N, C-alpha and C. Protein backbone atom coordinates (compact mmCIF):
# COMPACT_ATOMS: atom_id res chain seq x y z
N MET A 1 -188.62 -51.30 51.97
CA MET A 1 -187.45 -52.06 51.55
C MET A 1 -186.42 -51.19 50.84
N THR A 2 -186.85 -50.07 50.24
CA THR A 2 -185.88 -49.26 49.50
C THR A 2 -184.78 -48.71 50.41
N GLU A 3 -185.06 -48.58 51.71
CA GLU A 3 -184.04 -48.07 52.62
C GLU A 3 -182.85 -49.02 52.75
N LEU A 4 -183.01 -50.26 52.29
CA LEU A 4 -181.90 -51.21 52.31
C LEU A 4 -180.96 -51.03 51.11
N LEU A 5 -181.41 -50.30 50.11
CA LEU A 5 -180.57 -50.05 48.93
C LEU A 5 -179.51 -49.00 49.27
N PRO A 6 -178.34 -49.06 48.61
CA PRO A 6 -177.28 -48.09 48.92
C PRO A 6 -177.72 -46.65 48.65
N LEU A 7 -177.28 -45.77 49.49
CA LEU A 7 -177.53 -44.34 49.33
C LEU A 7 -176.31 -43.73 48.63
N GLU A 8 -176.54 -43.00 47.56
CA GLU A 8 -175.44 -42.36 46.83
C GLU A 8 -175.51 -40.86 47.05
N VAL A 9 -174.36 -40.25 47.29
CA VAL A 9 -174.25 -38.80 47.43
C VAL A 9 -173.63 -38.27 46.15
N HIS A 10 -174.10 -37.13 45.69
CA HIS A 10 -173.59 -36.56 44.43
C HIS A 10 -172.07 -36.44 44.48
N PRO A 11 -171.39 -36.91 43.41
CA PRO A 11 -169.93 -36.98 43.46
C PRO A 11 -169.17 -35.68 43.20
N TRP A 12 -169.84 -34.67 42.65
CA TRP A 12 -169.09 -33.47 42.26
C TRP A 12 -169.68 -32.22 42.88
N PRO A 13 -168.83 -31.22 43.10
CA PRO A 13 -169.35 -29.93 43.55
C PRO A 13 -170.06 -29.24 42.38
N PRO A 14 -170.92 -28.28 42.68
CA PRO A 14 -171.53 -27.52 41.58
C PRO A 14 -170.44 -26.83 40.76
N PHE A 15 -170.68 -26.68 39.46
CA PHE A 15 -169.78 -25.90 38.63
C PHE A 15 -170.42 -24.53 38.48
N ILE A 16 -169.76 -23.51 39.06
CA ILE A 16 -170.33 -22.16 39.09
C ILE A 16 -169.30 -21.17 38.56
N PRO A 17 -169.41 -20.77 37.29
CA PRO A 17 -168.50 -19.75 36.79
C PRO A 17 -168.89 -18.38 37.34
N ALA A 18 -167.94 -17.46 37.33
CA ALA A 18 -168.23 -16.09 37.78
C ALA A 18 -169.36 -15.51 36.94
N ASP A 19 -170.26 -14.81 37.59
CA ASP A 19 -171.39 -14.15 36.91
C ASP A 19 -172.30 -15.13 36.17
N ALA A 20 -172.47 -16.34 36.72
CA ALA A 20 -173.34 -17.32 36.08
C ALA A 20 -174.72 -16.72 35.82
N ARG A 21 -175.27 -17.01 34.63
CA ARG A 21 -176.57 -16.47 34.24
C ARG A 21 -177.67 -17.52 34.21
N VAL A 22 -177.28 -18.79 34.05
CA VAL A 22 -178.25 -19.87 34.02
C VAL A 22 -177.64 -21.08 34.74
N LEU A 23 -178.47 -21.80 35.44
CA LEU A 23 -178.08 -23.03 36.12
C LEU A 23 -178.81 -24.17 35.42
N ILE A 24 -178.04 -25.06 34.78
CA ILE A 24 -178.63 -26.22 34.11
C ILE A 24 -178.52 -27.40 35.05
N MET A 25 -179.66 -28.09 35.25
CA MET A 25 -179.73 -29.17 36.24
C MET A 25 -180.33 -30.44 35.66
N GLY A 26 -179.55 -31.50 35.74
CA GLY A 26 -180.07 -32.82 35.43
C GLY A 26 -180.59 -33.46 36.71
N THR A 27 -180.69 -34.77 36.73
CA THR A 27 -181.19 -35.46 37.92
C THR A 27 -180.04 -35.97 38.78
N PHE A 28 -179.18 -36.83 38.21
CA PHE A 28 -178.07 -37.43 38.96
C PHE A 28 -177.18 -38.15 37.96
N PRO A 29 -175.86 -38.21 38.20
CA PRO A 29 -174.99 -38.91 37.24
C PRO A 29 -175.29 -40.41 37.17
N PRO A 30 -174.92 -41.03 36.05
CA PRO A 30 -175.04 -42.48 35.96
C PRO A 30 -174.01 -43.14 36.87
N GLY A 31 -174.05 -44.46 36.95
CA GLY A 31 -173.04 -45.19 37.72
C GLY A 31 -171.64 -44.94 37.17
N ARG A 32 -170.64 -45.05 38.04
CA ARG A 32 -169.24 -44.76 37.67
C ARG A 32 -168.77 -45.55 36.45
N ASN A 33 -169.31 -46.74 36.26
CA ASN A 33 -168.88 -47.55 35.12
C ASN A 33 -169.26 -46.92 33.77
N ARG A 34 -170.07 -45.88 33.80
CA ARG A 34 -170.48 -45.22 32.55
C ARG A 34 -169.81 -43.86 32.35
N TRP A 35 -168.90 -43.49 33.26
CA TRP A 35 -168.25 -42.19 33.15
C TRP A 35 -167.10 -42.23 32.16
N SER A 36 -166.98 -41.19 31.36
CA SER A 36 -165.79 -40.99 30.53
C SER A 36 -164.96 -39.82 31.08
N MET A 37 -165.48 -39.16 32.12
CA MET A 37 -164.77 -38.07 32.80
C MET A 37 -165.44 -37.85 34.15
N ASN A 38 -164.77 -37.14 35.03
CA ASN A 38 -165.32 -36.84 36.35
C ASN A 38 -165.98 -35.46 36.33
N PHE A 39 -167.09 -35.38 35.61
CA PHE A 39 -167.80 -34.11 35.47
C PHE A 39 -169.21 -34.41 34.98
N TYR A 40 -170.03 -33.40 34.98
CA TYR A 40 -171.43 -33.55 34.61
C TYR A 40 -171.60 -34.11 33.20
N TYR A 41 -172.65 -34.90 33.02
CA TYR A 41 -172.97 -35.57 31.76
C TYR A 41 -171.75 -36.35 31.24
N PRO A 42 -171.24 -37.28 32.08
CA PRO A 42 -170.01 -38.00 31.73
C PRO A 42 -170.20 -39.17 30.77
N ASN A 43 -171.43 -39.58 30.56
CA ASN A 43 -171.70 -40.76 29.73
C ASN A 43 -171.56 -40.40 28.25
N ARG A 44 -170.72 -41.12 27.54
CA ARG A 44 -170.52 -40.86 26.10
C ARG A 44 -171.79 -41.02 25.30
N THR A 45 -172.75 -41.76 25.80
CA THR A 45 -173.98 -41.95 25.04
C THR A 45 -175.04 -40.91 25.38
N ASN A 46 -174.72 -39.96 26.27
CA ASN A 46 -175.65 -38.86 26.55
C ASN A 46 -175.38 -37.76 25.52
N ASP A 47 -176.43 -37.12 25.05
CA ASP A 47 -176.31 -36.11 23.99
C ASP A 47 -175.89 -34.73 24.48
N PHE A 48 -175.76 -34.50 25.79
CA PHE A 48 -175.56 -33.13 26.27
C PHE A 48 -174.37 -32.42 25.64
N TRP A 49 -173.17 -33.02 25.69
CA TRP A 49 -171.99 -32.32 25.17
C TRP A 49 -171.97 -32.29 23.65
N TYR A 50 -172.55 -33.29 23.00
CA TYR A 50 -172.69 -33.25 21.55
C TYR A 50 -173.61 -32.09 21.16
N MET A 51 -174.69 -31.93 21.92
CA MET A 51 -175.65 -30.85 21.68
C MET A 51 -174.99 -29.48 21.89
N MET A 52 -174.21 -29.35 22.97
CA MET A 52 -173.55 -28.07 23.25
C MET A 52 -172.53 -27.74 22.15
N GLY A 53 -171.82 -28.74 21.65
CA GLY A 53 -170.90 -28.53 20.53
C GLY A 53 -171.63 -28.05 19.29
N LEU A 54 -172.78 -28.65 19.02
CA LEU A 54 -173.59 -28.28 17.87
C LEU A 54 -174.11 -26.85 18.00
N ILE A 55 -174.62 -26.50 19.17
CA ILE A 55 -175.20 -25.17 19.39
C ILE A 55 -174.14 -24.07 19.29
N PHE A 56 -173.03 -24.23 19.99
CA PHE A 56 -172.07 -23.14 20.11
C PHE A 56 -170.95 -23.16 19.06
N PHE A 57 -170.71 -24.31 18.41
CA PHE A 57 -169.61 -24.40 17.46
C PHE A 57 -170.02 -24.98 16.11
N GLY A 58 -171.29 -25.40 15.99
CA GLY A 58 -171.75 -25.97 14.73
C GLY A 58 -171.17 -27.35 14.45
N ASP A 59 -170.62 -28.00 15.49
CA ASP A 59 -169.96 -29.30 15.32
C ASP A 59 -170.25 -30.17 16.53
N ARG A 60 -170.99 -31.21 16.34
CA ARG A 60 -171.38 -32.08 17.45
C ARG A 60 -170.19 -32.71 18.16
N HIS A 61 -169.06 -32.84 17.49
CA HIS A 61 -167.89 -33.48 18.08
C HIS A 61 -166.86 -32.48 18.63
N TYR A 62 -167.19 -31.21 18.61
CA TYR A 62 -166.24 -30.18 19.02
C TYR A 62 -165.71 -30.38 20.44
N LEU A 63 -166.54 -30.85 21.35
CA LEU A 63 -166.14 -31.01 22.76
C LEU A 63 -165.64 -32.42 23.07
N CYS A 64 -165.38 -33.20 22.03
CA CYS A 64 -164.85 -34.56 22.21
C CYS A 64 -163.33 -34.55 22.07
N ASN A 65 -162.69 -35.48 22.73
CA ASN A 65 -161.25 -35.70 22.53
C ASN A 65 -161.04 -36.42 21.21
N PRO A 66 -159.84 -36.34 20.64
CA PRO A 66 -159.57 -37.00 19.36
C PRO A 66 -159.84 -38.51 19.38
N ASP A 67 -159.71 -39.14 20.56
CA ASP A 67 -159.95 -40.59 20.62
C ASP A 67 -161.42 -40.96 20.39
N GLY A 68 -162.31 -39.96 20.47
CA GLY A 68 -163.72 -40.21 20.27
C GLY A 68 -164.38 -41.00 21.39
N LYS A 69 -163.62 -41.28 22.46
CA LYS A 69 -164.15 -42.07 23.57
C LYS A 69 -164.35 -41.26 24.84
N SER A 70 -164.00 -39.99 24.79
CA SER A 70 -164.13 -39.14 25.97
C SER A 70 -164.34 -37.70 25.53
N PHE A 71 -164.69 -36.88 26.51
CA PHE A 71 -164.92 -35.47 26.24
C PHE A 71 -163.72 -34.65 26.68
N ASN A 72 -163.55 -33.49 26.07
CA ASN A 72 -162.45 -32.58 26.38
C ASN A 72 -162.90 -31.68 27.53
N LEU A 73 -162.55 -32.06 28.75
CA LEU A 73 -163.02 -31.34 29.93
C LEU A 73 -162.53 -29.90 29.97
N ASP A 74 -161.32 -29.64 29.51
CA ASP A 74 -160.83 -28.25 29.49
C ASP A 74 -161.67 -27.38 28.55
N ALA A 75 -162.00 -27.90 27.38
CA ALA A 75 -162.82 -27.15 26.42
C ALA A 75 -164.23 -26.95 26.97
N ILE A 76 -164.76 -27.97 27.66
CA ILE A 76 -166.09 -27.87 28.25
C ILE A 76 -166.12 -26.78 29.31
N LYS A 77 -165.15 -26.79 30.22
CA LYS A 77 -165.13 -25.78 31.28
C LYS A 77 -164.91 -24.37 30.72
N GLN A 78 -164.11 -24.27 29.66
CA GLN A 78 -163.90 -22.97 29.02
C GLN A 78 -165.21 -22.45 28.43
N LEU A 79 -165.94 -23.32 27.73
CA LEU A 79 -167.23 -22.93 27.16
C LEU A 79 -168.20 -22.48 28.25
N LEU A 80 -168.33 -23.28 29.30
CA LEU A 80 -169.27 -22.95 30.37
C LEU A 80 -168.89 -21.63 31.05
N THR A 81 -167.60 -21.41 31.23
CA THR A 81 -167.13 -20.18 31.87
C THR A 81 -167.41 -18.97 30.98
N GLU A 82 -167.09 -19.08 29.70
CA GLU A 82 -167.32 -17.97 28.77
C GLU A 82 -168.80 -17.64 28.63
N LYS A 83 -169.63 -18.66 28.60
CA LYS A 83 -171.07 -18.44 28.40
C LYS A 83 -171.83 -18.26 29.71
N LYS A 84 -171.11 -18.35 30.83
CA LYS A 84 -171.69 -18.14 32.17
C LYS A 84 -172.82 -19.14 32.47
N ILE A 85 -172.52 -20.42 32.20
CA ILE A 85 -173.47 -21.51 32.41
C ILE A 85 -173.00 -22.35 33.60
N ALA A 86 -173.81 -22.42 34.64
CA ALA A 86 -173.52 -23.23 35.82
C ALA A 86 -174.18 -24.60 35.66
N LEU A 87 -173.61 -25.61 36.33
CA LEU A 87 -174.17 -26.97 36.29
C LEU A 87 -174.26 -27.54 37.70
N ASN A 88 -175.33 -28.25 37.93
CA ASN A 88 -175.49 -29.08 39.13
C ASN A 88 -176.64 -30.04 38.83
N ASP A 89 -176.92 -30.93 39.75
CA ASP A 89 -178.04 -31.84 39.57
C ASP A 89 -179.07 -31.62 40.66
N THR A 90 -180.29 -32.09 40.42
CA THR A 90 -181.38 -31.87 41.38
C THR A 90 -181.32 -32.85 42.55
N GLY A 91 -180.70 -34.00 42.36
CA GLY A 91 -180.57 -34.98 43.44
C GLY A 91 -179.24 -34.83 44.16
N HIS A 92 -179.29 -34.59 45.45
CA HIS A 92 -178.04 -34.56 46.23
C HIS A 92 -177.74 -35.96 46.77
N LYS A 93 -178.79 -36.63 47.30
CA LYS A 93 -178.67 -38.02 47.75
C LYS A 93 -179.79 -38.82 47.10
N VAL A 94 -179.42 -39.98 46.54
CA VAL A 94 -180.39 -40.79 45.81
C VAL A 94 -180.21 -42.27 46.11
N ARG A 95 -181.22 -43.04 45.71
CA ARG A 95 -181.13 -44.51 45.67
C ARG A 95 -181.55 -44.94 44.27
N ARG A 96 -180.77 -45.88 43.70
CA ARG A 96 -181.12 -46.46 42.40
C ARG A 96 -181.97 -47.70 42.67
N LEU A 97 -183.23 -47.64 42.32
CA LEU A 97 -184.15 -48.73 42.63
C LEU A 97 -183.93 -49.96 41.75
N HIS A 98 -183.33 -49.76 40.57
CA HIS A 98 -183.05 -50.88 39.67
C HIS A 98 -181.59 -50.95 39.28
N GLY A 99 -180.73 -50.20 39.97
CA GLY A 99 -179.29 -50.27 39.72
C GLY A 99 -178.83 -49.63 38.42
N ASN A 100 -179.70 -48.83 37.78
CA ASN A 100 -179.28 -48.19 36.53
C ASN A 100 -179.43 -46.67 36.63
N ALA A 101 -179.23 -45.98 35.52
CA ALA A 101 -179.26 -44.51 35.51
C ALA A 101 -180.64 -43.95 35.17
N SER A 102 -181.61 -44.80 34.95
CA SER A 102 -182.94 -44.33 34.55
C SER A 102 -183.59 -43.48 35.63
N ASP A 103 -184.05 -42.29 35.24
CA ASP A 103 -184.77 -41.42 36.18
C ASP A 103 -186.02 -42.10 36.73
N LYS A 104 -186.60 -42.96 35.92
CA LYS A 104 -187.83 -43.65 36.33
C LYS A 104 -187.60 -44.47 37.60
N TYR A 105 -186.38 -44.99 37.76
CA TYR A 105 -186.07 -45.85 38.91
C TYR A 105 -185.05 -45.19 39.84
N LEU A 106 -185.15 -43.87 39.95
CA LEU A 106 -184.25 -43.12 40.81
C LEU A 106 -185.08 -42.45 41.90
N GLU A 107 -184.78 -42.79 43.14
CA GLU A 107 -185.47 -42.17 44.28
C GLU A 107 -184.60 -41.02 44.79
N ILE A 108 -185.15 -39.81 44.74
CA ILE A 108 -184.44 -38.64 45.28
C ILE A 108 -184.69 -38.63 46.78
N VAL A 109 -183.69 -38.98 47.55
CA VAL A 109 -183.80 -39.02 49.01
C VAL A 109 -183.64 -37.61 49.58
N GLU A 110 -182.70 -36.86 49.00
CA GLU A 110 -182.47 -35.47 49.43
C GLU A 110 -182.20 -34.63 48.19
N PRO A 111 -183.11 -33.69 47.90
CA PRO A 111 -182.86 -32.83 46.74
C PRO A 111 -181.76 -31.82 47.05
N VAL A 112 -181.26 -31.20 45.99
CA VAL A 112 -180.25 -30.16 46.14
C VAL A 112 -180.85 -28.98 46.92
N ASP A 113 -179.98 -28.25 47.60
CA ASP A 113 -180.39 -27.00 48.26
C ASP A 113 -180.36 -25.91 47.19
N LEU A 114 -181.44 -25.81 46.43
CA LEU A 114 -181.48 -24.91 45.28
C LEU A 114 -181.21 -23.47 45.67
N TYR A 115 -181.89 -22.98 46.69
CA TYR A 115 -181.73 -21.56 47.03
C TYR A 115 -180.37 -21.28 47.67
N GLY A 116 -179.80 -22.26 48.35
CA GLY A 116 -178.43 -22.11 48.84
C GLY A 116 -177.46 -22.02 47.67
N LEU A 117 -177.71 -22.83 46.65
CA LEU A 117 -176.89 -22.81 45.44
C LEU A 117 -177.03 -21.47 44.71
N LEU A 118 -178.27 -21.02 44.54
CA LEU A 118 -178.50 -19.76 43.83
C LEU A 118 -177.94 -18.56 44.59
N SER A 119 -177.82 -18.67 45.90
CA SER A 119 -177.25 -17.55 46.68
C SER A 119 -175.78 -17.32 46.31
N GLN A 120 -175.14 -18.33 45.72
CA GLN A 120 -173.75 -18.20 45.26
C GLN A 120 -173.67 -17.61 43.86
N MET A 121 -174.84 -17.37 43.24
CA MET A 121 -174.90 -16.88 41.86
C MET A 121 -175.86 -15.71 41.78
N PRO A 122 -175.49 -14.54 42.28
CA PRO A 122 -176.43 -13.42 42.33
C PRO A 122 -176.95 -12.96 40.97
N GLY A 123 -176.22 -13.24 39.89
CA GLY A 123 -176.67 -12.83 38.56
C GLY A 123 -177.48 -13.87 37.83
N CYS A 124 -177.72 -15.01 38.46
CA CYS A 124 -178.45 -16.10 37.80
C CYS A 124 -179.95 -15.85 37.92
N ARG A 125 -180.61 -15.77 36.78
CA ARG A 125 -182.05 -15.52 36.78
C ARG A 125 -182.85 -16.67 36.19
N ALA A 126 -182.16 -17.79 35.87
CA ALA A 126 -182.85 -18.90 35.24
C ALA A 126 -182.27 -20.24 35.66
N VAL A 127 -183.16 -21.21 35.81
CA VAL A 127 -182.80 -22.60 36.05
C VAL A 127 -183.41 -23.39 34.91
N ALA A 128 -182.60 -24.26 34.30
CA ALA A 128 -183.10 -25.11 33.22
C ALA A 128 -182.89 -26.56 33.61
N THR A 129 -183.93 -27.35 33.53
CA THR A 129 -183.84 -28.76 33.87
C THR A 129 -183.77 -29.61 32.61
N THR A 130 -182.95 -30.66 32.67
CA THR A 130 -182.78 -31.54 31.52
C THR A 130 -183.62 -32.80 31.72
N GLY A 131 -184.91 -32.63 31.57
CA GLY A 131 -185.79 -33.78 31.68
C GLY A 131 -186.91 -33.59 32.68
N GLU A 132 -187.85 -34.53 32.62
CA GLU A 132 -189.09 -34.43 33.39
C GLU A 132 -188.87 -34.59 34.89
N LYS A 133 -188.08 -35.56 35.31
CA LYS A 133 -187.90 -35.78 36.76
C LYS A 133 -187.20 -34.59 37.41
N ALA A 134 -186.15 -34.08 36.77
CA ALA A 134 -185.46 -32.89 37.29
C ALA A 134 -186.44 -31.71 37.36
N ALA A 135 -187.29 -31.57 36.35
CA ALA A 135 -188.28 -30.49 36.33
C ALA A 135 -189.25 -30.61 37.51
N LYS A 136 -189.65 -31.84 37.82
CA LYS A 136 -190.58 -32.05 38.94
C LYS A 136 -189.91 -31.70 40.27
N VAL A 137 -188.65 -32.07 40.44
CA VAL A 137 -187.93 -31.76 41.68
C VAL A 137 -187.87 -30.24 41.87
N ILE A 138 -187.51 -29.51 40.81
CA ILE A 138 -187.40 -28.05 40.91
C ILE A 138 -188.78 -27.42 41.12
N ALA A 139 -189.80 -27.95 40.48
CA ALA A 139 -191.16 -27.44 40.69
C ALA A 139 -191.58 -27.61 42.15
N ASP A 140 -191.25 -28.75 42.73
CA ASP A 140 -191.58 -28.98 44.14
C ASP A 140 -190.85 -28.00 45.05
N ILE A 141 -189.57 -27.75 44.77
CA ILE A 141 -188.77 -26.84 45.59
C ILE A 141 -189.29 -25.40 45.48
N THR A 142 -189.66 -24.99 44.27
CA THR A 142 -190.04 -23.60 44.01
C THR A 142 -191.55 -23.35 44.09
N CYS A 143 -192.32 -24.40 44.38
CA CYS A 143 -193.79 -24.28 44.46
C CYS A 143 -194.37 -23.74 43.15
N THR A 144 -193.90 -24.28 42.05
CA THR A 144 -194.39 -23.89 40.72
C THR A 144 -194.93 -25.14 40.02
N ASP A 145 -195.59 -24.91 38.91
CA ASP A 145 -196.02 -26.02 38.06
C ASP A 145 -194.86 -26.44 37.16
N VAL A 146 -194.87 -27.68 36.75
CA VAL A 146 -193.86 -28.16 35.80
C VAL A 146 -194.23 -27.60 34.43
N PRO A 147 -193.31 -26.83 33.82
CA PRO A 147 -193.62 -26.30 32.49
C PRO A 147 -193.65 -27.40 31.44
N ARG A 148 -194.22 -27.09 30.30
CA ARG A 148 -194.16 -28.00 29.16
C ARG A 148 -192.75 -27.99 28.60
N LYS A 149 -192.41 -29.05 27.89
CA LYS A 149 -191.07 -29.18 27.29
C LYS A 149 -190.76 -27.95 26.43
N GLY A 150 -189.60 -27.34 26.69
CA GLY A 150 -189.16 -26.18 25.93
C GLY A 150 -189.75 -24.86 26.39
N GLU A 151 -190.55 -24.92 27.46
CA GLU A 151 -191.18 -23.70 27.96
C GLU A 151 -190.70 -23.41 29.37
N MET A 152 -191.13 -22.26 29.89
CA MET A 152 -190.72 -21.88 31.24
C MET A 152 -191.90 -21.36 32.02
N THR A 153 -191.70 -21.35 33.32
CA THR A 153 -192.63 -20.72 34.24
C THR A 153 -191.79 -19.78 35.10
N VAL A 154 -192.45 -18.86 35.78
CA VAL A 154 -191.73 -17.91 36.60
C VAL A 154 -192.15 -18.10 38.05
N ALA A 155 -191.17 -18.30 38.92
CA ALA A 155 -191.44 -18.46 40.35
C ALA A 155 -191.81 -17.11 40.97
N ALA A 156 -192.34 -17.15 42.17
CA ALA A 156 -192.78 -15.92 42.86
C ALA A 156 -191.64 -14.91 42.99
N ASP A 157 -190.41 -15.39 43.10
CA ASP A 157 -189.26 -14.48 43.25
C ASP A 157 -188.69 -14.00 41.91
N GLY A 158 -189.36 -14.35 40.80
CA GLY A 158 -188.93 -13.91 39.48
C GLY A 158 -187.99 -14.86 38.76
N LEU A 159 -187.61 -15.95 39.41
CA LEU A 159 -186.72 -16.93 38.79
C LEU A 159 -187.43 -17.64 37.64
N GLU A 160 -186.80 -17.65 36.46
CA GLU A 160 -187.34 -18.39 35.32
C GLU A 160 -186.95 -19.85 35.47
N ILE A 161 -187.92 -20.73 35.32
CA ILE A 161 -187.66 -22.17 35.42
C ILE A 161 -188.07 -22.82 34.11
N TRP A 162 -187.06 -23.32 33.40
CA TRP A 162 -187.24 -23.92 32.08
C TRP A 162 -187.21 -25.44 32.19
N ARG A 163 -188.09 -26.08 31.44
CA ARG A 163 -188.05 -27.54 31.32
C ARG A 163 -187.59 -27.87 29.90
N MET A 164 -186.41 -28.41 29.81
CA MET A 164 -185.84 -28.74 28.52
C MET A 164 -185.95 -30.25 28.31
N PRO A 165 -185.83 -30.70 27.05
CA PRO A 165 -185.89 -32.14 26.82
C PRO A 165 -184.69 -32.85 27.43
N SER A 166 -184.90 -34.07 27.81
CA SER A 166 -183.81 -34.89 28.31
C SER A 166 -182.75 -35.05 27.23
N THR A 167 -181.49 -35.09 27.66
CA THR A 167 -180.41 -35.31 26.70
C THR A 167 -180.00 -36.78 26.65
N SER A 168 -180.71 -37.62 27.38
CA SER A 168 -180.45 -39.05 27.32
C SER A 168 -180.79 -39.57 25.92
N ARG A 169 -179.99 -40.49 25.42
CA ARG A 169 -180.30 -41.09 24.11
C ARG A 169 -181.57 -41.92 24.19
N ALA A 170 -181.96 -42.30 25.40
CA ALA A 170 -183.20 -43.06 25.55
C ALA A 170 -184.42 -42.18 25.25
N TYR A 171 -184.24 -40.87 25.31
CA TYR A 171 -185.34 -39.95 25.00
C TYR A 171 -185.43 -39.81 23.49
N PRO A 172 -186.56 -40.19 22.90
CA PRO A 172 -186.65 -40.30 21.44
C PRO A 172 -186.84 -38.98 20.71
N LEU A 173 -185.79 -38.16 20.71
CA LEU A 173 -185.81 -36.90 19.98
C LEU A 173 -184.43 -36.74 19.35
N PRO A 174 -184.36 -36.47 18.06
CA PRO A 174 -183.06 -36.34 17.41
C PRO A 174 -182.22 -35.21 18.04
N LEU A 175 -180.90 -35.37 17.99
CA LEU A 175 -179.98 -34.39 18.55
C LEU A 175 -180.26 -32.99 18.02
N LYS A 176 -180.50 -32.85 16.73
CA LYS A 176 -180.76 -31.55 16.12
C LYS A 176 -181.99 -30.89 16.77
N ASP A 177 -183.00 -31.66 17.04
CA ASP A 177 -184.22 -31.11 17.65
C ASP A 177 -183.98 -30.72 19.11
N LYS A 178 -183.22 -31.54 19.84
CA LYS A 178 -182.87 -31.17 21.21
C LYS A 178 -182.11 -29.85 21.20
N ALA A 179 -181.14 -29.74 20.28
CA ALA A 179 -180.33 -28.52 20.19
C ALA A 179 -181.20 -27.29 19.92
N GLU A 180 -182.23 -27.44 19.11
CA GLU A 180 -183.11 -26.30 18.80
C GLU A 180 -183.83 -25.81 20.06
N TYR A 181 -184.29 -26.72 20.89
CA TYR A 181 -184.94 -26.32 22.15
C TYR A 181 -183.97 -25.53 23.04
N TYR A 182 -182.78 -26.07 23.23
CA TYR A 182 -181.80 -25.42 24.11
C TYR A 182 -181.32 -24.10 23.51
N ALA A 183 -181.11 -24.05 22.20
CA ALA A 183 -180.66 -22.81 21.56
C ALA A 183 -181.70 -21.71 21.73
N ALA A 184 -182.98 -22.05 21.64
CA ALA A 184 -184.03 -21.05 21.83
C ALA A 184 -183.96 -20.47 23.26
N MET A 185 -183.74 -21.33 24.24
CA MET A 185 -183.61 -20.85 25.62
C MET A 185 -182.38 -19.96 25.76
N PHE A 186 -181.24 -20.40 25.20
CA PHE A 186 -180.01 -19.60 25.29
C PHE A 186 -180.19 -18.24 24.62
N ARG A 187 -180.91 -18.19 23.50
CA ARG A 187 -181.18 -16.91 22.84
C ARG A 187 -182.03 -16.02 23.74
N HIS A 188 -183.05 -16.58 24.35
CA HIS A 188 -183.92 -15.81 25.25
C HIS A 188 -183.10 -15.22 26.41
N LEU A 189 -182.14 -15.96 26.89
CA LEU A 189 -181.33 -15.51 28.03
C LEU A 189 -180.15 -14.64 27.61
N GLY A 190 -179.98 -14.41 26.30
CA GLY A 190 -178.90 -13.57 25.81
C GLY A 190 -177.54 -14.24 25.84
N ILE A 191 -177.53 -15.57 25.88
CA ILE A 191 -176.28 -16.34 25.93
C ILE A 191 -175.83 -16.71 24.52
N LEU A 192 -176.75 -16.79 23.60
CA LEU A 192 -176.45 -17.19 22.21
C LEU A 192 -176.90 -16.08 21.28
């Protein structure tokens, strides 16, 4: 019966700055009604951009617009470009089994072409997933085990695969603690 549900194709191209060093991958964007911008982690209630502001600028609101209702996309792209952080999601085509953004009810019909994506980033030596489902998708693609939260495994080709905590507010970990996990990874990769 799931084949009767609408099939969604990822709405954005990968964000790949020159000399990208890490590719951060979530699962799939929420429904359009939850977007505050046309870019990755668009939901104002997701901790990703608040966490990045805290890590790189010491201010959780640094990447927000003054209205407090949206993110500053120019500042976000500048940060990602300067720090050589690429973004994409693990699901290229999906079905929402319950009509919401929950990974639990998201069927990945077609995963991203990870190695095709990495071929565009010759300096990228690490993939970091934001949550358990994204980590499982990447583990399946790379024939590796899913690492524990905040840890990494190394694929046969030497690619580091990190499993980071979900940045969804539904994931019960304070923003400060999420930031500590990601900051440790960025330090290991020489980004922070």
